[in-house]
Amino acid sequence: MLLHPTSLELAERRVAVIGANGSGKSTLLQLFNGLVLPSAGDVLVDGLDTARRGREVRRRVGFVFTDPMAQLVLATPADDIELSLRRLIRDRNARRVEALRLLGERGLAELADQSVYDLSGGERQLVALTSVLAASPSIVVADEPTTLLDLRNTDRVRAALAALEQQVVVATHDLELAADAERVLVIEGGRVAADGEPAEAIDFYLRLVRP
């Protein structure tokens, strides 16, 4: 989905983006770390232009995909997280220790050496989030991270996102997750149709889809 000319400054610690499928939510999020580049204008992250300094931007902005299998590239959770740690920790044994510690923080230590194909959807999403966080981003962008999950695992992912110190920008159909934010954007037809406090923006969205 193409976005119409948009001017935004996102400084809040928790920002949610809601809207119908195909409205432009994912395109907006992908602009934030250079997965998509603007055809006009600039996207700046901490003053860095995503088009000219994409590598530095991606070190700052961790991206969590809707489907965790789109980003889990190695055989086991521990292997995948060790890969994320390679830039920060040179020693292989130290990387292993840190990967196990990070998995333990998410309650996933017992899954360290299991095949990612044997994990539940919620476990995969938590591993994907852990892998992103292992690279120490200052911003976490999550594209519909609870869409494929049951209620229990949705709650686990919500709790994990809520506990993060980083700024979090999340696109979601889960209005309870959106209500956790400080600011909510409603995207409709590639435009920002509403922008404000969660209750106000969510009410606007409900009136938009349930006239």
C-alpha atoms as a PDB file:
ATOM      1  CA  MET A   1       0.000   0.000   0.000  1.00  0.00           C
ATOM      2  CA  LEU A   2       1.340   3.419  -0.975  1.00  0.00           C
ATOM      3  CA  LEU A   3       1.226   6.140   1.643  1.00  0.00           C
ATOM      4  CA  HIS A   4       0.016   9.631   0.821  1.00  0.00           C
ATOM      5  CA  PRO A   5       2.235  12.558   1.912  1.00  0.00           C
ATOM      6  CA  THR A   6       2.505  12.277   5.682  1.00  0.00           C
ATOM      7  CA  SER A   7       4.298  14.308   8.321  1.00  0.00           C
ATOM      8  CA  LEU A   8       4.761  12.695  11.735  1.00  0.00           C
ATOM      9  CA  GLU A   9       7.052  13.025  14.720  1.00  0.00           C
ATOM     10  CA  LEU A  10       6.831  10.072  17.087  1.00  0.00           C
ATOM     11  CA  ALA A  11       8.400  10.846  20.442  1.00  0.00           C
ATOM     12  CA  GLU A  12       6.111   8.876  22.774  1.00  0.00           C
ATOM     13  CA  ARG A  13       7.428   5.740  24.442  1.00  0.00           C
ATOM     14  CA  ARG A  14       4.467   3.644  23.256  1.00  0.00           C
ATOM     15  CA  VAL A  15       2.798   4.227  19.889  1.00  0.00           C
ATOM     16  CA  ALA A  16       0.180   1.973  18.282  1.00  0.00           C
ATOM     17  CA  VAL A  17      -0.908   1.982  14.645  1.00  0.00           C
ATOM     18  CA  ILE A  18      -4.329   0.553  13.795  1.00  0.00           C
ATOM     19  CA  GLY A  19      -6.312   0.216  10.591  1.00  0.00           C
ATOM     20  CA  ALA A  20      -7.834  -2.266   8.180  1.00  0.00           C
ATOM     21  CA  ASN A  21      -5.796  -4.781   6.188  1.00  0.00           C
ATOM     22  CA  GLY A  22      -4.200  -2.997   3.257  1.00  0.00           C
ATOM     23  CA  SER A  23      -4.570   0.441   4.810  1.00  0.00           C
ATOM     24  CA  GLY A  24      -0.822   1.133   4.863  1.00  0.00           C
ATOM     25  CA  LYS A  25       0.129   0.170   8.445  1.00  0.00           C
ATOM     26  CA  SER A  26       2.932  -2.173   7.446  1.00  0.00           C
ATOM     27  CA  THR A  27       4.319   0.256   4.876  1.00  0.00           C
ATOM     28  CA  LEU A  28       4.463   2.967   7.526  1.00  0.00           C
ATOM     29  CA  LEU A  29       6.325   0.709   9.958  1.00  0.00           C
ATOM     30  CA  GLN A  30       8.756  -0.496   7.311  1.00  0.00           C
ATOM     31  CA  LEU A  31       9.745   3.109   6.622  1.00  0.00           C
ATOM     32  CA  PHE A  32      11.069   3.386  10.163  1.00  0.00           C
ATOM     33  CA  ASN A  33      14.064   1.121   9.651  1.00  0.00           C
ATOM     34  CA  GLY A  34      14.625   1.390   5.928  1.00  0.00           C
ATOM     35  CA  LEU A  35      12.871  -1.791   4.802  1.00  0.00           C
ATOM     36  CA  VAL A  36      10.944   0.626   2.577  1.00  0.00           C
ATOM     37  CA  LEU A  37      12.470   3.916   1.431  1.00  0.00           C
ATOM     38  CA  PRO A  38      10.386   7.036   0.811  1.00  0.00           C
ATOM     39  CA  SER A  39       9.850   8.069  -2.804  1.00  0.00           C
ATOM     40  CA  ALA A  40       9.746  11.691  -1.628  1.00  0.00           C
ATOM     41  CA  GLY A  41      10.719  13.453   1.575  1.00  0.00           C
ATOM     42  CA  ASP A  42      12.796  12.033   4.404  1.00  0.00           C
ATOM     43  CA  VAL A  43      12.457   9.551   7.236  1.00  0.00           C
ATOM     44  CA  LEU A  44      14.730  10.388  10.161  1.00  0.00           C
ATOM     45  CA  VAL A  45      15.484   8.168  13.153  1.00  0.00           C
ATOM     46  CA  ASP A  46      17.469   9.903  15.885  1.00  0.00           C
ATOM     47  CA  GLY A  47      18.443  12.402  13.193  1.00  0.00           C
ATOM     48  CA  LEU A  48      19.671   9.677  10.805  1.00  0.00           C
ATOM     49  CA  ASP A  49      18.243   9.525   7.279  1.00  0.00           C
ATOM     50  CA  THR A  50      17.036   5.982   6.516  1.00  0.00           C
ATOM     51  CA  ALA A  51      17.941   6.343   2.834  1.00  0.00           C
ATOM     52  CA  ARG A  52      21.530   7.483   3.416  1.00  0.00           C
ATOM     53  CA  ARG A  53      22.423   5.854   6.715  1.00  0.00           C
ATOM     54  CA  GLY A  54      20.312   2.715   6.629  1.00  0.00           C
ATOM     55  CA  ARG A  55      22.830   0.453   8.363  1.00  0.00           C
ATOM     56  CA  GLU A  56      23.075   2.764  11.369  1.00  0.00           C
ATOM     57  CA  VAL A  57      19.289   3.111  11.491  1.00  0.00           C
ATOM     58  CA  ARG A  58      18.789  -0.672  11.476  1.00  0.00           C
ATOM     59  CA  ARG A  59      21.148  -0.976  14.430  1.00  0.00           C
ATOM     60  CA  ARG A  60      18.863   1.368  16.326  1.00  0.00           C
ATOM     61  CA  VAL A  61      15.508  -0.002  15.135  1.00  0.00           C
ATOM     62  CA  GLY A  62      14.678  -3.659  15.743  1.00  0.00           C
ATOM     63  CA  PHE A  63      11.833  -4.986  13.560  1.00  0.00           C
ATOM     64  CA  VAL A  64       9.534  -7.821  14.709  1.00  0.00           C
ATOM     65  CA  PHE A  65       7.550  -9.352  11.844  1.00  0.00           C
ATOM     66  CA  THR A  66       4.005 -10.695  11.967  1.00  0.00           C
ATOM     67  CA  ASP A  67       5.258 -14.192  11.150  1.00  0.00           C
ATOM     68  CA  PRO A  68       8.286 -14.998  13.308  1.00  0.00           C
ATOM     69  CA  MET A  69       9.448 -17.603  10.793  1.00  0.00           C
ATOM     70  CA  ALA A  70      10.229 -14.703   8.466  1.00  0.00           C
ATOM     71  CA  GLN A  71      13.113 -13.771  10.769  1.00  0.00           C
ATOM     72  CA  LEU A  72      14.133 -16.947  12.597  1.00  0.00           C
ATOM     73  CA  VAL A  73      16.838 -18.100  10.209  1.00  0.00           C
ATOM     74  CA  LEU A  74      18.752 -20.758  12.193  1.00  0.00           C
ATOM     75  CA  ALA A  75      17.773 -24.144  13.562  1.00  0.00           C
ATOM     76  CA  THR A  76      17.288 -23.396  17.248  1.00  0.00           C
ATOM     77  CA  PRO A  77      16.411 -20.396  19.435  1.00  0.00           C
ATOM     78  CA  ALA A  78      19.899 -20.322  20.954  1.00  0.00           C
ATOM     79  CA  ASP A  79      21.557 -20.343  17.527  1.00  0.00           C
ATOM     80  CA  ASP A  80      19.347 -17.527  16.285  1.00  0.00           C
ATOM     81  CA  ILE A  81      19.998 -15.324  19.290  1.00  0.00           C
ATOM     82  CA  GLU A  82      23.731 -16.007  19.135  1.00  0.00           C
ATOM     83  CA  LEU A  83      23.622 -14.735  15.549  1.00  0.00           C
ATOM     84  CA  SER A  84      22.061 -11.470  16.755  1.00  0.00           C
ATOM     85  CA  LEU A  85      24.802 -11.150  19.365  1.00  0.00           C
ATOM     86  CA  ARG A  86      27.752 -11.549  16.980  1.00  0.00           C
ATOM     87  CA  ARG A  87      28.310  -7.816  16.526  1.00  0.00           C
ATOM     88  CA  LEU A  88      28.266  -7.175  20.276  1.00  0.00           C
ATOM     89  CA  ILE A  89      30.036 -10.275  21.642  1.00  0.00           C
ATOM     90  CA  ARG A  90      33.019 -11.670  19.746  1.00  0.00           C
ATOM     91  CA  ASP A  91      33.715 -14.687  21.935  1.00  0.00           C
ATOM     92  CA  ARG A  92      31.615 -17.693  20.919  1.00  0.00           C
ATOM     93  CA  ASN A  93      31.308 -19.144  24.413  1.00  0.00           C
ATOM     94  CA  ALA A  94      30.300 -15.781  25.846  1.00  0.00           C
ATOM     95  CA  ARG A  95      27.644 -15.440  23.136  1.00  0.00           C
ATOM     96  CA  ARG A  96      26.211 -18.811  24.131  1.00  0.00           C
ATOM     97  CA  VAL A  97      26.044 -17.823  27.785  1.00  0.00           C
ATOM     98  CA  GLU A  98      24.321 -14.538  26.943  1.00  0.00           C
ATOM     99  CA  ALA A  99      21.861 -16.231  24.574  1.00  0.00           C
ATOM    100  CA  LEU A 100      20.813 -18.651  27.301  1.00  0.00           C
ATOM    101  CA  ARG A 101      20.458 -15.787  29.771  1.00  0.00           C
ATOM    102  CA  LEU A 102      18.219 -13.829  27.413  1.00  0.00           C
ATOM    103  CA  LEU A 103      16.043 -16.868  26.747  1.00  0.00           C
ATOM    104  CA  GLY A 104      15.791 -17.439  30.478  1.00  0.00           C
ATOM    105  CA  GLU A 105      14.513 -13.877  30.962  1.00  0.00           C
ATOM    106  CA  ARG A 106      11.581 -14.706  28.655  1.00  0.00           C
ATOM    107  CA  GLY A 107      10.887 -18.058  30.327  1.00  0.00           C
ATOM    108  CA  LEU A 108      12.217 -19.900  27.286  1.00  0.00           C
ATOM    109  CA  ALA A 109      15.414 -21.466  28.629  1.00  0.00           C
ATOM    110  CA  GLU A 110      14.149 -25.020  28.182  1.00  0.00           C
ATOM    111  CA  LEU A 111      13.566 -24.339  24.476  1.00  0.00           C
ATOM    112  CA  ALA A 112      17.122 -23.196  23.741  1.00  0.00           C
ATOM    113  CA  ASP A 113      18.113 -26.249  21.697  1.00  0.00           C
ATOM    114  CA  GLN A 114      14.734 -27.261  20.283  1.00  0.00           C
ATOM    115  CA  SER A 115      14.007 -26.908  16.605  1.00  0.00           C
ATOM    116  CA  VAL A 116      12.162 -23.655  15.892  1.00  0.00           C
ATOM    117  CA  TYR A 117       9.721 -25.795  13.880  1.00  0.00           C
ATOM    118  CA  ASP A 118       8.688 -27.592  17.072  1.00  0.00           C
ATOM    119  CA  LEU A 119       7.753 -24.395  18.912  1.00  0.00           C
ATOM    120  CA  SER A 120       4.264 -22.977  19.240  1.00  0.00           C
ATOM    121  CA  GLY A 121       3.389 -19.721  17.516  1.00  0.00           C
ATOM    122  CA  GLY A 122       3.671 -17.813  20.765  1.00  0.00           C
ATOM    123  CA  GLU A 123       7.035 -19.350  21.594  1.00  0.00           C
ATOM    124  CA  ARG A 124       8.333 -18.479  18.138  1.00  0.00           C
ATOM    125  CA  GLN A 125       7.172 -14.890  18.480  1.00  0.00           C
ATOM    126  CA  LEU A 126       8.838 -14.553  21.883  1.00  0.00           C
ATOM    127  CA  VAL A 127      12.052 -16.037  20.493  1.00  0.00           C
ATOM    128  CA  ALA A 128      11.886 -13.606  17.556  1.00  0.00           C
ATOM    129  CA  LEU A 129      11.406 -10.698  19.961  1.00  0.00           C
ATOM    130  CA  THR A 130      14.315 -11.938  22.100  1.00  0.00           C
ATOM    131  CA  SER A 131      16.502 -12.199  18.999  1.00  0.00           C
ATOM    132  CA  VAL A 132      15.672  -8.619  18.033  1.00  0.00           C
ATOM    133  CA  LEU A 133      16.361  -7.357  21.551  1.00  0.00           C
ATOM    134  CA  ALA A 134      19.688  -9.190  21.674  1.00  0.00           C
ATOM    135  CA  ALA A 135      21.065  -6.649  19.217  1.00  0.00           C
ATOM    136  CA  SER A 136      20.300  -3.850  21.731  1.00  0.00           C
ATOM    137  CA  PRO A 137      18.086  -1.591  19.606  1.00  0.00           C
ATOM    138  CA  SER A 138      16.833   1.674  21.070  1.00  0.00           C
ATOM    139  CA  ILE A 139      13.502   1.342  19.239  1.00  0.00           C
ATOM    140  CA  VAL A 140      11.381  -1.769  18.677  1.00  0.00           C
ATOM    141  CA  VAL A 141       8.931  -1.827  15.778  1.00  0.00           C
ATOM    142  CA  ALA A 142       6.463  -4.733  15.777  1.00  0.00           C
ATOM    143  CA  ASP A 143       4.156  -5.447  12.836  1.00  0.00           C
ATOM    144  CA  GLU A 144       1.002  -7.179  14.130  1.00  0.00           C
ATOM    145  CA  PRO A 145       2.979  -9.353  16.571  1.00  0.00           C
ATOM    146  CA  THR A 146      -0.104 -11.054  18.081  1.00  0.00           C
ATOM    147  CA  THR A 147      -2.087 -11.742  14.899  1.00  0.00           C
ATOM    148  CA  LEU A 148      -1.292 -15.476  14.701  1.00  0.00           C
ATOM    149  CA  LEU A 149      -1.472 -16.152  18.445  1.00  0.00           C
ATOM    150  CA  ASP A 150      -4.027 -17.601  20.848  1.00  0.00           C
ATOM    151  CA  LEU A 151      -5.145 -15.610  23.884  1.00  0.00           C
ATOM    152  CA  ARG A 152      -2.535 -17.007  26.285  1.00  0.00           C
ATOM    153  CA  ASN A 153       0.366 -16.249  23.987  1.00  0.00           C
ATOM    154  CA  THR A 154      -1.124 -12.896  23.016  1.00  0.00           C
ATOM    155  CA  ASP A 155      -1.015 -11.982  26.700  1.00  0.00           C
ATOM    156  CA  ARG A 156       2.603 -13.142  26.935  1.00  0.00           C
ATOM    157  CA  VAL A 157       3.671 -11.003  23.991  1.00  0.00           C
ATOM    158  CA  ARG A 158       1.707  -8.003  25.293  1.00  0.00           C
ATOM    159  CA  ALA A 159       3.411  -8.344  28.677  1.00  0.00           C
ATOM    160  CA  ALA A 160       6.841  -8.655  27.054  1.00  0.00           C
ATOM    161  CA  LEU A 161       6.320  -5.513  24.967  1.00  0.00           C
ATOM    162  CA  ALA A 162       4.937  -3.584  27.948  1.00  0.00           C
ATOM    163  CA  ALA A 163       8.032  -4.399  30.005  1.00  0.00           C
ATOM    164  CA  LEU A 164      10.542  -3.057  27.471  1.00  0.00           C
ATOM    165  CA  GLU A 165      12.571   0.051  28.238  1.00  0.00           C
ATOM    166  CA  GLN A 166      12.820   0.890  24.525  1.00  0.00           C
ATOM    167  CA  GLN A 167      10.404   2.988  22.553  1.00  0.00           C
ATOM    168  CA  VAL A 168       7.878   0.600  20.976  1.00  0.00           C
ATOM    169  CA  VAL A 169       5.859   1.242  17.825  1.00  0.00           C
ATOM    170  CA  VAL A 170       3.357  -1.524  17.096  1.00  0.00           C
ATOM    171  CA  ALA A 171       0.859  -2.072  14.287  1.00  0.00           C
ATOM    172  CA  THR A 172      -2.026  -4.190  15.481  1.00  0.00           C
ATOM    173  CA  HIS A 173      -5.632  -5.334  15.077  1.00  0.00           C
ATOM    174  CA  ASP A 174      -5.703  -6.057  18.819  1.00  0.00           C
ATOM    175  CA  LEU A 175      -7.453  -3.023  20.257  1.00  0.00           C
ATOM    176  CA  GLU A 176      -6.526  -4.031  23.822  1.00  0.00           C
ATOM    177  CA  LEU A 177      -2.874  -3.920  22.803  1.00  0.00           C
ATOM    178  CA  ALA A 178      -3.464  -0.560  21.113  1.00  0.00           C
ATOM    179  CA  ALA A 179      -5.091   0.750  24.291  1.00  0.00           C
ATOM    180  CA  ASP A 180      -1.795   0.114  26.151  1.00  0.00           C
ATOM    181  CA  ALA A 181      -0.126   2.837  24.049  1.00  0.00           C
ATOM    182  CA  GLU A 182       0.284   6.526  24.837  1.00  0.00           C
ATOM    183  CA  ARG A 183      -0.595   7.546  21.280  1.00  0.00           C
ATOM    184  CA  VAL A 184      -2.608   5.783  18.574  1.00  0.00           C
ATOM    185  CA  LEU A 185      -2.545   6.444  14.830  1.00  0.00           C
ATOM    186  CA  VAL A 186      -5.454   5.300  12.653  1.00  0.00           C
ATOM    187  CA  ILE A 187      -4.402   4.594   9.069  1.00  0.00           C
ATOM    188  CA  GLU A 188      -7.069   4.532   6.344  1.00  0.00           C
ATOM    189  CA  GLY A 189      -6.399   4.462   2.624  1.00  0.00           C
ATOM    190  CA  GLY A 190      -2.736   5.316   3.062  1.00  0.00           C
ATOM    191  CA  ARG A 191      -3.486   8.384   5.169  1.00  0.00           C
ATOM    192  CA  VAL A 192      -3.366   9.153   8.879  1.00  0.00           C
ATOM    193  CA  ALA A 193      -7.097   9.481   9.522  1.00  0.00           C
ATOM    194  CA  ALA A 194      -6.796  10.025  13.267  1.00  0.00           C
ATOM    195  CA  ASP A 195      -3.970  10.631  15.706  1.00  0.00           C
ATOM    196  CA  GLY A 196      -4.383  11.022  19.443  1.00  0.00           C
ATOM    197  CA  GLU A 197      -5.096   9.497  22.825  1.00  0.00           C
ATOM    198  CA  PRO A 198      -5.917   5.769  22.693  1.00  0.00           C
ATOM    199  CA  ALA A 199      -9.588   5.998  23.714  1.00  0.00           C
ATOM    200  CA  GLU A 200     -10.311   8.780  21.229  1.00  0.00           C
ATOM    201  CA  ALA A 201      -8.448   7.195  18.311  1.00  0.00           C
ATOM    202  CA  ILE A 202      -9.850   3.714  18.925  1.00  0.00           C
ATOM    203  CA  ASP A 203     -13.374   5.137  19.097  1.00  0.00           C
ATOM    204  CA  PHE A 204     -12.766   6.892  15.762  1.00  0.00           C
ATOM    205  CA  TYR A 205     -11.580   3.601  14.241  1.00  0.00           C
ATOM    206  CA  LEU A 206     -14.603   1.675  15.518  1.00  0.00           C
ATOM    207  CA  ARG A 207     -16.937   4.281  14.032  1.00  0.00           C
ATOM    208  CA  LEU A 208     -14.978   4.034  10.789  1.00  0.00           C
ATOM    209  CA  VAL A 209     -15.396   0.262  10.471  1.00  0.00           C
ATOM    210  CA  ARG A 210     -18.841  -0.008  12.107  1.00  0.00           C
ATOM    211  CA  PRO A 211     -20.789   2.952  10.737  1.00  0.00           C
END
